Amino acid sequence: MYNRKNKKEALTRRHSRVREHICGTTERPRLAVHRSLAHIYAQLIDDTTGTTLVHASSTEKGLGLEYGAIVEAAKVLGKAFAERALAKGFKAVVFDR
């Protein structure tokens, strides 16, 4: 069985391997999606400045999601995230996993 430290190290190694080839810019930011067992998180990242431009998560109160309904949460979260990104003027992104 893996312990927490080894899982974190493996996650960091995978992340750095992908990031060697993917870089987000101001015009075309990187879309990073993280899915845990209970929640989903998405964000648009500008790697030139190291800032998060748009974010959304299933833990937000305004989305009206139930705990454990991860498929429904993905649908609602995707729609809310897309609306926020389009409102800020982003039409194209680089998908990070």
N, C-alpha and C. Protein backbone atom coordinates (compact mmCIF):
# COMPACT_ATOMS: atom_id res chain seq x y z
N MET A 1 0.84 -1.18 0.00
CA MET A 1 0.00 0.00 0.00
C MET A 1 0.89 1.24 0.00
N TYR A 2 0.45 2.26 -0.72
CA TYR A 2 1.22 3.50 -0.78
C TYR A 2 0.89 4.37 0.42
N ASN A 3 1.91 5.06 0.89
CA ASN A 3 1.61 6.04 1.93
C ASN A 3 1.41 7.41 1.29
N ARG A 4 0.96 8.36 2.04
CA ARG A 4 0.60 9.67 1.52
C ARG A 4 1.79 10.37 0.87
N LYS A 5 2.96 10.25 1.44
CA LYS A 5 4.13 10.94 0.90
C LYS A 5 4.48 10.41 -0.49
N ASN A 6 4.44 9.09 -0.67
CA ASN A 6 4.76 8.53 -1.97
C ASN A 6 3.72 8.91 -3.02
N LYS A 7 2.44 8.97 -2.63
CA LYS A 7 1.39 9.38 -3.57
C LYS A 7 1.60 10.83 -3.99
N LYS A 8 1.97 11.69 -3.06
CA LYS A 8 2.21 13.10 -3.37
C LYS A 8 3.42 13.24 -4.28
N GLU A 9 4.47 12.47 -4.03
CA GLU A 9 5.65 12.52 -4.89
C GLU A 9 5.32 12.03 -6.30
N ALA A 10 4.52 10.99 -6.42
CA ALA A 10 4.13 10.48 -7.73
C ALA A 10 3.29 11.52 -8.47
N LEU A 11 2.38 12.19 -7.77
CA LEU A 11 1.57 13.23 -8.38
C LEU A 11 2.46 14.37 -8.87
N THR A 12 3.44 14.76 -8.09
CA THR A 12 4.35 15.83 -8.48
C THR A 12 5.18 15.44 -9.70
N ARG A 13 5.65 14.20 -9.74
CA ARG A 13 6.41 13.72 -10.90
C ARG A 13 5.57 13.74 -12.17
N ARG A 14 4.33 13.25 -12.09
CA ARG A 14 3.45 13.25 -13.26
C ARG A 14 3.15 14.67 -13.71
N HIS A 15 2.91 15.55 -12.75
CA HIS A 15 2.60 16.94 -13.08
C HIS A 15 3.77 17.61 -13.79
N SER A 16 4.98 17.42 -13.30
CA SER A 16 6.14 18.05 -13.92
C SER A 16 6.42 17.47 -15.30
N ARG A 17 6.13 16.20 -15.50
CA ARG A 17 6.34 15.57 -16.80
C ARG A 17 5.39 16.17 -17.85
N VAL A 18 4.15 16.39 -17.46
CA VAL A 18 3.19 16.99 -18.37
C VAL A 18 3.53 18.45 -18.62
N ARG A 19 3.94 19.15 -17.60
CA ARG A 19 4.20 20.58 -17.71
C ARG A 19 5.43 20.90 -18.55
N GLU A 20 6.28 19.91 -18.84
CA GLU A 20 7.40 20.14 -19.74
C GLU A 20 6.91 20.48 -21.14
N HIS A 21 5.72 20.01 -21.50
CA HIS A 21 5.21 20.18 -22.86
C HIS A 21 4.05 21.18 -22.94
N ILE A 22 3.43 21.51 -21.83
CA ILE A 22 2.24 22.36 -21.84
C ILE A 22 2.52 23.64 -21.07
N CYS A 23 2.21 24.77 -21.70
CA CYS A 23 2.39 26.06 -21.04
C CYS A 23 1.27 26.99 -21.46
N GLY A 24 0.62 27.62 -20.51
CA GLY A 24 -0.47 28.53 -20.80
C GLY A 24 0.03 29.96 -20.92
N THR A 25 -0.58 30.72 -21.81
CA THR A 25 -0.22 32.12 -22.00
C THR A 25 -1.42 32.98 -21.63
N THR A 26 -1.24 34.29 -21.76
CA THR A 26 -2.34 35.20 -21.44
C THR A 26 -3.48 35.05 -22.44
N GLU A 27 -3.14 34.84 -23.73
CA GLU A 27 -4.17 34.69 -24.75
C GLU A 27 -4.81 33.31 -24.72
N ARG A 28 -4.02 32.29 -24.40
CA ARG A 28 -4.51 30.90 -24.37
C ARG A 28 -4.03 30.24 -23.08
N PRO A 29 -4.79 30.41 -21.99
CA PRO A 29 -4.36 29.89 -20.70
C PRO A 29 -4.51 28.38 -20.60
N ARG A 30 -3.85 27.83 -19.60
CA ARG A 30 -3.89 26.39 -19.36
C ARG A 30 -5.10 26.06 -18.49
N LEU A 31 -5.87 25.06 -18.91
CA LEU A 31 -7.03 24.59 -18.15
C LEU A 31 -6.60 23.39 -17.33
N ALA A 32 -6.56 23.56 -16.02
CA ALA A 32 -6.18 22.48 -15.11
C ALA A 32 -7.43 22.00 -14.38
N VAL A 33 -7.67 20.70 -14.44
CA VAL A 33 -8.83 20.10 -13.78
C VAL A 33 -8.32 19.08 -12.78
N HIS A 34 -8.80 19.18 -11.55
CA HIS A 34 -8.44 18.21 -10.52
C HIS A 34 -9.72 17.57 -10.01
N ARG A 35 -9.71 16.26 -9.94
CA ARG A 35 -10.89 15.53 -9.47
C ARG A 35 -10.48 14.69 -8.28
N SER A 36 -11.11 14.95 -7.15
CA SER A 36 -10.89 14.11 -5.97
C SER A 36 -12.06 13.14 -5.89
N LEU A 37 -12.11 12.35 -4.86
CA LEU A 37 -13.21 11.41 -4.72
C LEU A 37 -14.55 12.11 -4.50
N ALA A 38 -14.53 13.29 -3.90
CA ALA A 38 -15.78 13.96 -3.56
C ALA A 38 -16.03 15.23 -4.36
N HIS A 39 -15.00 15.88 -4.92
CA HIS A 39 -15.18 17.19 -5.54
C HIS A 39 -14.37 17.31 -6.83
N ILE A 40 -14.73 18.34 -7.61
CA ILE A 40 -14.04 18.66 -8.85
C ILE A 40 -13.62 20.12 -8.79
N TYR A 41 -12.41 20.41 -9.25
CA TYR A 41 -11.88 21.76 -9.26
C TYR A 41 -11.36 22.05 -10.67
N ALA A 42 -11.60 23.26 -11.19
CA ALA A 42 -11.10 23.64 -12.51
C ALA A 42 -10.60 25.07 -12.42
N GLN A 43 -9.50 25.35 -13.15
CA GLN A 43 -8.98 26.70 -13.17
C GLN A 43 -8.24 26.98 -14.47
N LEU A 44 -8.26 28.23 -14.90
CA LEU A 44 -7.48 28.69 -16.03
C LEU A 44 -6.26 29.40 -15.47
N ILE A 45 -5.08 29.01 -15.93
CA ILE A 45 -3.83 29.50 -15.36
C ILE A 45 -2.98 30.15 -16.45
N ASP A 46 -2.48 31.35 -16.17
CA ASP A 46 -1.51 32.02 -17.03
C ASP A 46 -0.13 31.71 -16.48
N ASP A 47 0.63 30.86 -17.18
CA ASP A 47 1.92 30.42 -16.66
C ASP A 47 3.01 31.48 -16.81
N THR A 48 2.82 32.47 -17.67
CA THR A 48 3.84 33.52 -17.81
C THR A 48 3.89 34.39 -16.56
N THR A 49 2.73 34.65 -15.95
CA THR A 49 2.71 35.45 -14.72
C THR A 49 2.46 34.60 -13.48
N GLY A 50 2.03 33.34 -13.67
CA GLY A 50 1.78 32.46 -12.54
C GLY A 50 0.50 32.80 -11.80
N THR A 51 -0.51 33.28 -12.51
CA THR A 51 -1.76 33.66 -11.86
C THR A 51 -2.91 32.80 -12.35
N THR A 52 -3.91 32.65 -11.49
CA THR A 52 -5.14 31.97 -11.84
C THR A 52 -6.11 33.02 -12.35
N LEU A 53 -6.63 32.80 -13.56
CA LEU A 53 -7.50 33.79 -14.19
C LEU A 53 -8.97 33.53 -13.90
N VAL A 54 -9.39 32.26 -13.96
CA VAL A 54 -10.77 31.87 -13.71
C VAL A 54 -10.73 30.57 -12.92
N HIS A 55 -11.62 30.41 -11.96
CA HIS A 55 -11.67 29.16 -11.23
C HIS A 55 -13.12 28.81 -10.87
N ALA A 56 -13.34 27.53 -10.64
CA ALA A 56 -14.64 27.04 -10.19
C ALA A 56 -14.41 25.71 -9.49
N SER A 57 -15.25 25.42 -8.51
CA SER A 57 -15.14 24.14 -7.82
C SER A 57 -16.51 23.69 -7.36
N SER A 58 -16.64 22.40 -7.15
CA SER A 58 -17.92 21.85 -6.71
C SER A 58 -18.19 22.14 -5.24
N THR A 59 -17.26 22.77 -4.55
CA THR A 59 -17.46 23.12 -3.15
C THR A 59 -18.13 24.49 -2.99
N GLU A 60 -18.32 25.22 -4.08
CA GLU A 60 -18.93 26.54 -4.00
C GLU A 60 -20.40 26.45 -3.62
N LYS A 61 -20.84 27.36 -2.79
CA LYS A 61 -22.21 27.33 -2.29
C LYS A 61 -23.23 27.72 -3.36
N GLY A 62 -22.88 28.63 -4.26
CA GLY A 62 -23.83 29.16 -5.23
C GLY A 62 -24.25 28.19 -6.32
N LEU A 63 -23.57 27.08 -6.48
CA LEU A 63 -23.90 26.14 -7.55
C LEU A 63 -25.03 25.20 -7.18
N GLY A 64 -25.35 25.08 -5.92
CA GLY A 64 -26.47 24.25 -5.47
C GLY A 64 -26.26 22.77 -5.71
N LEU A 65 -25.08 22.27 -5.40
CA LEU A 65 -24.77 20.87 -5.63
C LEU A 65 -24.94 20.05 -4.36
N GLU A 66 -25.29 18.79 -4.54
CA GLU A 66 -25.39 17.86 -3.42
C GLU A 66 -24.08 17.12 -3.26
N TYR A 67 -23.77 16.75 -2.04
CA TYR A 67 -22.56 15.97 -1.79
C TYR A 67 -22.73 14.58 -2.38
N GLY A 68 -21.74 14.14 -3.13
CA GLY A 68 -21.75 12.79 -3.68
C GLY A 68 -22.28 12.67 -5.09
N ALA A 69 -22.95 13.70 -5.60
CA ALA A 69 -23.48 13.64 -6.96
C ALA A 69 -22.43 14.17 -7.92
N ILE A 70 -21.36 13.41 -8.13
CA ILE A 70 -20.19 13.90 -8.86
C ILE A 70 -20.46 14.08 -10.35
N VAL A 71 -21.31 13.26 -10.95
CA VAL A 71 -21.61 13.39 -12.37
C VAL A 71 -22.42 14.66 -12.61
N GLU A 72 -23.42 14.88 -11.78
CA GLU A 72 -24.20 16.11 -11.89
C GLU A 72 -23.33 17.32 -11.58
N ALA A 73 -22.43 17.18 -10.62
CA ALA A 73 -21.54 18.28 -10.26
C ALA A 73 -20.65 18.64 -11.44
N ALA A 74 -20.18 17.65 -12.19
CA ALA A 74 -19.32 17.91 -13.35
C ALA A 74 -20.08 18.69 -14.41
N LYS A 75 -21.33 18.35 -14.64
CA LYS A 75 -22.13 19.06 -15.64
C LYS A 75 -22.36 20.51 -15.23
N VAL A 76 -22.78 20.71 -13.99
CA VAL A 76 -23.06 22.06 -13.51
C VAL A 76 -21.78 22.88 -13.45
N LEU A 77 -20.72 22.28 -12.96
CA LEU A 77 -19.45 22.98 -12.83
C LEU A 77 -18.90 23.36 -14.20
N GLY A 78 -18.99 22.48 -15.17
CA GLY A 78 -18.51 22.77 -16.51
C GLY A 78 -19.24 23.94 -17.13
N LYS A 79 -20.54 23.98 -16.95
CA LYS A 79 -21.34 25.08 -17.50
C LYS A 79 -20.99 26.40 -16.81
N ALA A 80 -20.89 26.38 -15.50
CA ALA A 80 -20.55 27.60 -14.75
C ALA A 80 -19.15 28.09 -15.10
N PHE A 81 -18.22 27.15 -15.23
CA PHE A 81 -16.85 27.51 -15.55
C PHE A 81 -16.76 28.11 -16.95
N ALA A 82 -17.47 27.51 -17.91
CA ALA A 82 -17.45 28.03 -19.28
C ALA A 82 -18.04 29.43 -19.36
N GLU A 83 -19.11 29.68 -18.62
CA GLU A 83 -19.71 31.01 -18.61
C GLU A 83 -18.74 32.04 -18.04
N ARG A 84 -18.03 31.68 -16.98
CA ARG A 84 -17.06 32.60 -16.38
C ARG A 84 -15.90 32.88 -17.34
N ALA A 85 -15.42 31.83 -18.01
CA ALA A 85 -14.30 31.99 -18.94
C ALA A 85 -14.70 32.85 -20.14
N LEU A 86 -15.88 32.61 -20.68
CA LEU A 86 -16.35 33.41 -21.82
C LEU A 86 -16.60 34.86 -21.41
N ALA A 87 -17.07 35.08 -20.19
CA ALA A 87 -17.29 36.44 -19.71
C ALA A 87 -15.98 37.21 -19.60
N LYS A 88 -14.89 36.52 -19.32
CA LYS A 88 -13.58 37.17 -19.24
C LYS A 88 -12.90 37.24 -20.61
N GLY A 89 -13.52 36.64 -21.64
CA GLY A 89 -12.99 36.77 -22.99
C GLY A 89 -12.10 35.65 -23.46
N PHE A 90 -12.09 34.52 -22.80
CA PHE A 90 -11.26 33.38 -23.20
C PHE A 90 -12.07 32.45 -24.10
N LYS A 91 -11.57 32.24 -25.33
CA LYS A 91 -12.26 31.37 -26.27
C LYS A 91 -11.47 30.09 -26.53
N ALA A 92 -10.16 30.10 -26.27
CA ALA A 92 -9.32 28.92 -26.52
C ALA A 92 -8.44 28.69 -25.30
N VAL A 93 -8.23 27.43 -24.95
CA VAL A 93 -7.39 27.07 -23.81
C VAL A 93 -6.48 25.91 -24.20
N VAL A 94 -5.45 25.69 -23.39
CA VAL A 94 -4.59 24.52 -23.50
C VAL A 94 -5.01 23.59 -22.39
N PHE A 95 -5.45 22.38 -22.74
CA PHE A 95 -5.95 21.45 -21.73
C PHE A 95 -4.80 20.72 -21.07
N ASP A 96 -4.75 20.80 -19.75
CA ASP A 96 -3.74 20.10 -18.95
C ASP A 96 -4.41 18.89 -18.32
N ARG A 97 -4.30 17.73 -18.97
CA ARG A 97 -4.91 16.48 -18.53
C ARG A 97 -6.40 16.58 -18.47
